[in-house]
């Protein structure tokens, strides 16, 4: 995994600089969405078979890949696909997309939050939680909320490398650890 991130970093930075050079946030968002679609396509087993097929030329593979990703790829994004194919880097597209998102969020002064809740949260509760997190982290927070019944109660929040575990399951695990020591 670390090797893939190392391989992906220069491509993510190049894509980010290209998108940022356009001068508006809409282009950054368009690149973000396109890279997400490309990453999903690159991660499929079928595309893996196409990449490994020696009968496909790089031009054919790039065209096939762009066609599968779908309409809406700009000329720069199609050229980006060609560069990835020529350098045999389609397999690191998931890492490229993730690194691009981190660069985009840093540029915009925001962070992604993965919120796991034991029960469905209504919009008011999510907005209140996001407001509290924005005060704590002093930046804009983009929250993705998932229901994870195994938490028993409460929430678990992951923002970057920091995890806030306010779940019943987490508290029970902490108690079990304390009792063992």
C-alpha atoms as a PDB file:
ATOM      1  CA  UNK A   1       0.000   0.000   0.000  1.00  0.00           C
ATOM      2  CA  UNK A   2       2.746   2.460   0.923  1.00  0.00           C
ATOM      3  CA  UNK A   3       4.461   1.746  -2.388  1.00  0.00           C
ATOM      4  CA  UNK A   4       1.252   2.513  -4.291  1.00  0.00           C
ATOM      5  CA  UNK A   5       0.896   5.821  -2.453  1.00  0.00           C
ATOM      6  CA  UNK A   6       4.492   6.672  -3.350  1.00  0.00           C
ATOM      7  CA  UNK A   7       3.803   5.859  -6.997  1.00  0.00           C
ATOM      8  CA  UNK A   8       0.508   7.767  -6.977  1.00  0.00           C
ATOM      9  CA  UNK A   9       1.694  10.974  -5.295  1.00  0.00           C
ATOM     10  CA  UNK A  10       3.330  12.682  -8.334  1.00  0.00           C
ATOM     11  CA  UNK A  11       0.296  11.906 -10.511  1.00  0.00           C
ATOM     12  CA  UNK A  12      -2.127  13.245  -7.890  1.00  0.00           C
ATOM     13  CA  UNK A  13      -0.055  16.390  -7.493  1.00  0.00           C
ATOM     14  CA  UNK A  14       0.137  16.876 -11.264  1.00  0.00           C
ATOM     15  CA  UNK A  15      -3.630  16.440 -11.638  1.00  0.00           C
ATOM     16  CA  UNK A  16      -4.220  18.845  -8.752  1.00  0.00           C
ATOM     17  CA  UNK A  17      -1.909  21.493 -10.220  1.00  0.00           C
ATOM     18  CA  UNK A  18      -3.601  21.131 -13.604  1.00  0.00           C
ATOM     19  CA  UNK A  19      -7.078  21.457 -12.077  1.00  0.00           C
ATOM     20  CA  UNK A  20      -6.054  24.303  -9.773  1.00  0.00           C
ATOM     21  CA  UNK A  21      -4.468  26.142 -12.706  1.00  0.00           C
ATOM     22  CA  UNK A  22      -7.910  26.537 -14.253  1.00  0.00           C
ATOM     23  CA  UNK A  23      -8.618  29.008 -11.467  1.00  0.00           C
ATOM     24  CA  UNK A  24     -12.023  27.970 -10.147  1.00  0.00           C
ATOM     25  CA  UNK A  25     -13.453  25.448  -7.706  1.00  0.00           C
ATOM     26  CA  UNK A  26     -15.762  23.916 -10.308  1.00  0.00           C
ATOM     27  CA  UNK A  27     -12.777  22.461 -12.160  1.00  0.00           C
ATOM     28  CA  UNK A  28     -11.395  20.993  -8.909  1.00  0.00           C
ATOM     29  CA  UNK A  29     -14.772  19.384  -8.227  1.00  0.00           C
ATOM     30  CA  UNK A  30     -15.001  18.061 -11.790  1.00  0.00           C
ATOM     31  CA  UNK A  31     -11.537  16.509 -11.505  1.00  0.00           C
ATOM     32  CA  UNK A  32     -12.457  15.052  -8.121  1.00  0.00           C
ATOM     33  CA  UNK A  33     -15.593  13.409  -9.515  1.00  0.00           C
ATOM     34  CA  UNK A  34     -13.795  12.147 -12.623  1.00  0.00           C
ATOM     35  CA  UNK A  35     -10.927  10.689 -10.604  1.00  0.00           C
ATOM     36  CA  UNK A  36     -13.471   8.961  -8.363  1.00  0.00           C
ATOM     37  CA  UNK A  37     -15.122   7.361 -11.406  1.00  0.00           C
ATOM     38  CA  UNK A  38     -11.717   6.434 -12.860  1.00  0.00           C
ATOM     39  CA  UNK A  39     -10.653   4.858  -9.562  1.00  0.00           C
ATOM     40  CA  UNK A  40     -13.838   2.786  -9.425  1.00  0.00           C
ATOM     41  CA  UNK A  41     -13.307   1.533 -12.985  1.00  0.00           C
ATOM     42  CA  UNK A  42      -9.604   0.818 -12.413  1.00  0.00           C
ATOM     43  CA  UNK A  43     -10.423  -1.250  -9.323  1.00  0.00           C
ATOM     44  CA  UNK A  44     -12.673  -3.695 -11.204  1.00  0.00           C
ATOM     45  CA  UNK A  45     -11.430  -7.173 -12.029  1.00  0.00           C
ATOM     46  CA  UNK A  46     -12.531  -6.770 -15.636  1.00  0.00           C
ATOM     47  CA  UNK A  47     -10.342  -3.702 -16.115  1.00  0.00           C
ATOM     48  CA  UNK A  48      -7.480  -5.550 -14.445  1.00  0.00           C
ATOM     49  CA  UNK A  49      -7.819  -8.245 -17.099  1.00  0.00           C
ATOM     50  CA  UNK A  50      -7.763  -5.606 -19.845  1.00  0.00           C
ATOM     51  CA  UNK A  51      -4.648  -3.986 -18.380  1.00  0.00           C
ATOM     52  CA  UNK A  52      -2.915  -7.374 -18.281  1.00  0.00           C
ATOM     53  CA  UNK A  53      -3.943  -8.242 -21.848  1.00  0.00           C
ATOM     54  CA  UNK A  54      -0.799  -8.009 -24.029  1.00  0.00           C
ATOM     55  CA  UNK A  55      -2.869  -7.767 -27.220  1.00  0.00           C
ATOM     56  CA  UNK A  56      -4.196  -4.323 -26.287  1.00  0.00           C
ATOM     57  CA  UNK A  57      -1.939  -1.457 -27.316  1.00  0.00           C
ATOM     58  CA  UNK A  58      -1.598   1.478 -24.902  1.00  0.00           C
ATOM     59  CA  UNK A  59      -3.773   3.627 -27.184  1.00  0.00           C
ATOM     60  CA  UNK A  60      -6.475   0.949 -27.304  1.00  0.00           C
ATOM     61  CA  UNK A  61      -6.348   0.500 -23.527  1.00  0.00           C
ATOM     62  CA  UNK A  62      -6.558   4.256 -22.906  1.00  0.00           C
ATOM     63  CA  UNK A  63      -9.521   4.594 -25.276  1.00  0.00           C
ATOM     64  CA  UNK A  64     -11.271   1.580 -23.732  1.00  0.00           C
ATOM     65  CA  UNK A  65     -10.681   2.905 -20.230  1.00  0.00           C
ATOM     66  CA  UNK A  66     -11.951   6.394 -21.091  1.00  0.00           C
ATOM     67  CA  UNK A  67     -15.021   4.898 -22.798  1.00  0.00           C
ATOM     68  CA  UNK A  68     -15.830   2.773 -19.751  1.00  0.00           C
ATOM     69  CA  UNK A  69     -15.413   5.759 -17.422  1.00  0.00           C
ATOM     70  CA  UNK A  70     -17.985   7.523 -19.581  1.00  0.00           C
ATOM     71  CA  UNK A  71     -18.710  10.836 -21.159  1.00  0.00           C
ATOM     72  CA  UNK A  72     -17.711  13.947 -19.348  1.00  0.00           C
ATOM     73  CA  UNK A  73     -13.951  13.445 -19.357  1.00  0.00           C
ATOM     74  CA  UNK A  74     -12.227  16.619 -20.467  1.00  0.00           C
ATOM     75  CA  UNK A  75      -9.345  16.612 -22.946  1.00  0.00           C
ATOM     76  CA  UNK A  76      -6.909  17.057 -20.034  1.00  0.00           C
ATOM     77  CA  UNK A  77      -8.437  14.112 -18.195  1.00  0.00           C
ATOM     78  CA  UNK A  78      -8.192  11.929 -21.316  1.00  0.00           C
ATOM     79  CA  UNK A  79      -4.531  12.953 -21.659  1.00  0.00           C
ATOM     80  CA  UNK A  80      -4.069  12.069 -17.987  1.00  0.00           C
ATOM     81  CA  UNK A  81      -5.463   8.586 -18.709  1.00  0.00           C
ATOM     82  CA  UNK A  82      -2.980   8.232 -21.593  1.00  0.00           C
ATOM     83  CA  UNK A  83      -0.094   9.180 -19.302  1.00  0.00           C
ATOM     84  CA  UNK A  84      -1.229   6.632 -16.694  1.00  0.00           C
ATOM     85  CA  UNK A  85      -1.547   3.899 -19.341  1.00  0.00           C
ATOM     86  CA  UNK A  86       1.822   4.737 -20.919  1.00  0.00           C
ATOM     87  CA  UNK A  87       3.498   4.534 -17.489  1.00  0.00           C
ATOM     88  CA  UNK A  88       1.521   1.440 -16.397  1.00  0.00           C
ATOM     89  CA  UNK A  89      -0.093   3.265 -13.474  1.00  0.00           C
ATOM     90  CA  UNK A  90      -3.822   2.606 -13.943  1.00  0.00           C
ATOM     91  CA  UNK A  91      -3.691   0.275 -10.938  1.00  0.00           C
ATOM     92  CA  UNK A  92      -2.819   3.163  -8.591  1.00  0.00           C
ATOM     93  CA  UNK A  93      -5.827   5.279  -9.575  1.00  0.00           C
ATOM     94  CA  UNK A  94      -7.608   4.653  -6.229  1.00  0.00           C
ATOM     95  CA  UNK A  95      -4.594   6.097  -4.404  1.00  0.00           C
ATOM     96  CA  UNK A  96      -4.345   8.974  -6.897  1.00  0.00           C
ATOM     97  CA  UNK A  97      -8.005   9.843  -6.271  1.00  0.00           C
ATOM     98  CA  UNK A  98      -7.518   9.707  -2.497  1.00  0.00           C
ATOM     99  CA  UNK A  99      -4.397  11.901  -2.585  1.00  0.00           C
ATOM    100  CA  UNK A 100      -6.132  14.350  -4.947  1.00  0.00           C
ATOM    101  CA  UNK A 101      -9.004  14.656  -2.442  1.00  0.00           C
ATOM    102  CA  UNK A 102      -6.549  15.376   0.359  1.00  0.00           C
ATOM    103  CA  UNK A 103      -4.863  18.089  -1.713  1.00  0.00           C
ATOM    104  CA  UNK A 104      -8.239  19.559  -2.693  1.00  0.00           C
ATOM    105  CA  UNK A 105      -9.466  19.588   0.911  1.00  0.00           C
ATOM    106  CA  UNK A 106      -6.240  21.196   2.102  1.00  0.00           C
ATOM    107  CA  UNK A 107      -6.548  23.867  -0.601  1.00  0.00           C
ATOM    108  CA  UNK A 108     -10.177  24.548   0.353  1.00  0.00           C
ATOM    109  CA  UNK A 109      -9.451  24.488   4.098  1.00  0.00           C
ATOM    110  CA  UNK A 110     -11.720  21.537   4.767  1.00  0.00           C
ATOM    111  CA  UNK A 111     -11.493  17.978   6.045  1.00  0.00           C
ATOM    112  CA  UNK A 112     -13.508  14.825   5.443  1.00  0.00           C
ATOM    113  CA  UNK A 113     -15.152  13.221   8.447  1.00  0.00           C
ATOM    114  CA  UNK A 114     -16.306   9.613   8.459  1.00  0.00           C
ATOM    115  CA  UNK A 115     -19.068   9.421  11.052  1.00  0.00           C
ATOM    116  CA  UNK A 116     -20.339   6.020  12.137  1.00  0.00           C
ATOM    117  CA  UNK A 117     -23.499   6.037  14.218  1.00  0.00           C
ATOM    118  CA  UNK A 118     -25.260   3.170  15.954  1.00  0.00           C
ATOM    119  CA  UNK A 119     -28.615   4.603  14.877  1.00  0.00           C
ATOM    120  CA  UNK A 120     -29.777   6.805  11.988  1.00  0.00           C
ATOM    121  CA  UNK A 121     -29.126  10.492  12.654  1.00  0.00           C
ATOM    122  CA  UNK A 122     -31.588  13.181  11.585  1.00  0.00           C
ATOM    123  CA  UNK A 123     -30.379  16.270   9.703  1.00  0.00           C
ATOM    124  CA  UNK A 124     -30.434  18.481  12.805  1.00  0.00           C
ATOM    125  CA  UNK A 125     -28.192  16.065  14.738  1.00  0.00           C
ATOM    126  CA  UNK A 126     -25.755  15.819  11.823  1.00  0.00           C
ATOM    127  CA  UNK A 127     -25.640  19.619  11.450  1.00  0.00           C
ATOM    128  CA  UNK A 128     -25.031  20.040  15.186  1.00  0.00           C
ATOM    129  CA  UNK A 129     -22.253  17.435  15.139  1.00  0.00           C
ATOM    130  CA  UNK A 130     -20.630  19.036  12.077  1.00  0.00           C
ATOM    131  CA  UNK A 131     -20.793  22.482  13.742  1.00  0.00           C
ATOM    132  CA  UNK A 132     -19.078  21.091  16.858  1.00  0.00           C
ATOM    133  CA  UNK A 133     -16.401  19.406  14.737  1.00  0.00           C
ATOM    134  CA  UNK A 134     -15.815  22.599  12.735  1.00  0.00           C
ATOM    135  CA  UNK A 135     -15.215  24.499  15.996  1.00  0.00           C
ATOM    136  CA  UNK A 136     -12.884  21.781  17.291  1.00  0.00           C
ATOM    137  CA  UNK A 137     -10.829  21.425  14.082  1.00  0.00           C
ATOM    138  CA  UNK A 138     -11.153  25.082  13.025  1.00  0.00           C
ATOM    139  CA  UNK A 139     -12.000  24.214   9.420  1.00  0.00           C
ATOM    140  CA  UNK A 140     -14.900  23.227   7.185  1.00  0.00           C
ATOM    141  CA  UNK A 141     -16.016  19.616   7.725  1.00  0.00           C
ATOM    142  CA  UNK A 142     -17.563  17.392   5.058  1.00  0.00           C
ATOM    143  CA  UNK A 143     -19.288  14.584   6.921  1.00  0.00           C
ATOM    144  CA  UNK A 144     -20.235  11.182   5.580  1.00  0.00           C
ATOM    145  CA  UNK A 145     -22.596   9.412   7.970  1.00  0.00           C
ATOM    146  CA  UNK A 146     -23.021   5.628   8.036  1.00  0.00           C
ATOM    147  CA  UNK A 147     -25.133   3.494  10.345  1.00  0.00           C
ATOM    148  CA  UNK A 148     -23.086   0.782  12.065  1.00  0.00           C
ATOM    149  CA  UNK A 149     -25.322  -1.131  14.509  1.00  0.00           C
ATOM    150  CA  UNK A 150     -22.313  -2.976  15.986  1.00  0.00           C
ATOM    151  CA  UNK A 151     -21.399   0.225  17.871  1.00  0.00           C
ATOM    152  CA  UNK A 152     -24.373  -0.491  20.186  1.00  0.00           C
ATOM    153  CA  UNK A 153     -24.801   3.251  20.877  1.00  0.00           C
ATOM    154  CA  UNK A 154     -23.061   6.577  20.276  1.00  0.00           C
ATOM    155  CA  UNK A 155     -20.796   7.580  17.393  1.00  0.00           C
ATOM    156  CA  UNK A 156     -17.283   6.994  16.094  1.00  0.00           C
ATOM    157  CA  UNK A 157     -15.722   9.823  14.078  1.00  0.00           C
ATOM    158  CA  UNK A 158     -12.579   9.571  11.933  1.00  0.00           C
ATOM    159  CA  UNK A 159     -11.025  12.771  10.572  1.00  0.00           C
ATOM    160  CA  UNK A 160      -7.702  12.151   8.923  1.00  0.00           C
ATOM    161  CA  UNK A 161      -5.528  10.298  11.425  1.00  0.00           C
ATOM    162  CA  UNK A 162      -7.622  11.310  14.427  1.00  0.00           C
ATOM    163  CA  UNK A 163     -10.410   9.072  15.723  1.00  0.00           C
ATOM    164  CA  UNK A 164     -12.995  10.125  18.284  1.00  0.00           C
ATOM    165  CA  UNK A 165     -14.688   7.026  19.669  1.00  0.00           C
ATOM    166  CA  UNK A 166     -17.771   7.959  21.678  1.00  0.00           C
ATOM    167  CA  UNK A 167     -19.493   4.631  21.067  1.00  0.00           C
ATOM    168  CA  UNK A 168     -20.712   2.197  23.696  1.00  0.00           C
ATOM    169  CA  UNK A 169     -18.640  -0.515  22.045  1.00  0.00           C
ATOM    170  CA  UNK A 170     -15.503   1.635  22.316  1.00  0.00           C
ATOM    171  CA  UNK A 171     -16.185   2.385  25.975  1.00  0.00           C
ATOM    172  CA  UNK A 172     -16.744  -1.296  26.713  1.00  0.00           C
ATOM    173  CA  UNK A 173     -13.455  -2.152  25.006  1.00  0.00           C
ATOM    174  CA  UNK A 174     -11.671   0.518  27.055  1.00  0.00           C
ATOM    175  CA  UNK A 175     -13.202  -0.874  30.259  1.00  0.00           C
ATOM    176  CA  UNK A 176     -12.169  -4.415  29.334  1.00  0.00           C
ATOM    177  CA  UNK A 177      -8.613  -3.240  28.725  1.00  0.00           C
ATOM    178  CA  UNK A 178      -8.562  -1.360  32.043  1.00  0.00           C
ATOM    179  CA  UNK A 179      -9.818  -4.425  33.913  1.00  0.00           C
ATOM    180  CA  UNK A 180      -7.148  -6.639  32.368  1.00  0.00           C
ATOM    181  CA  UNK A 181      -4.362  -4.290  33.408  1.00  0.00           C
END
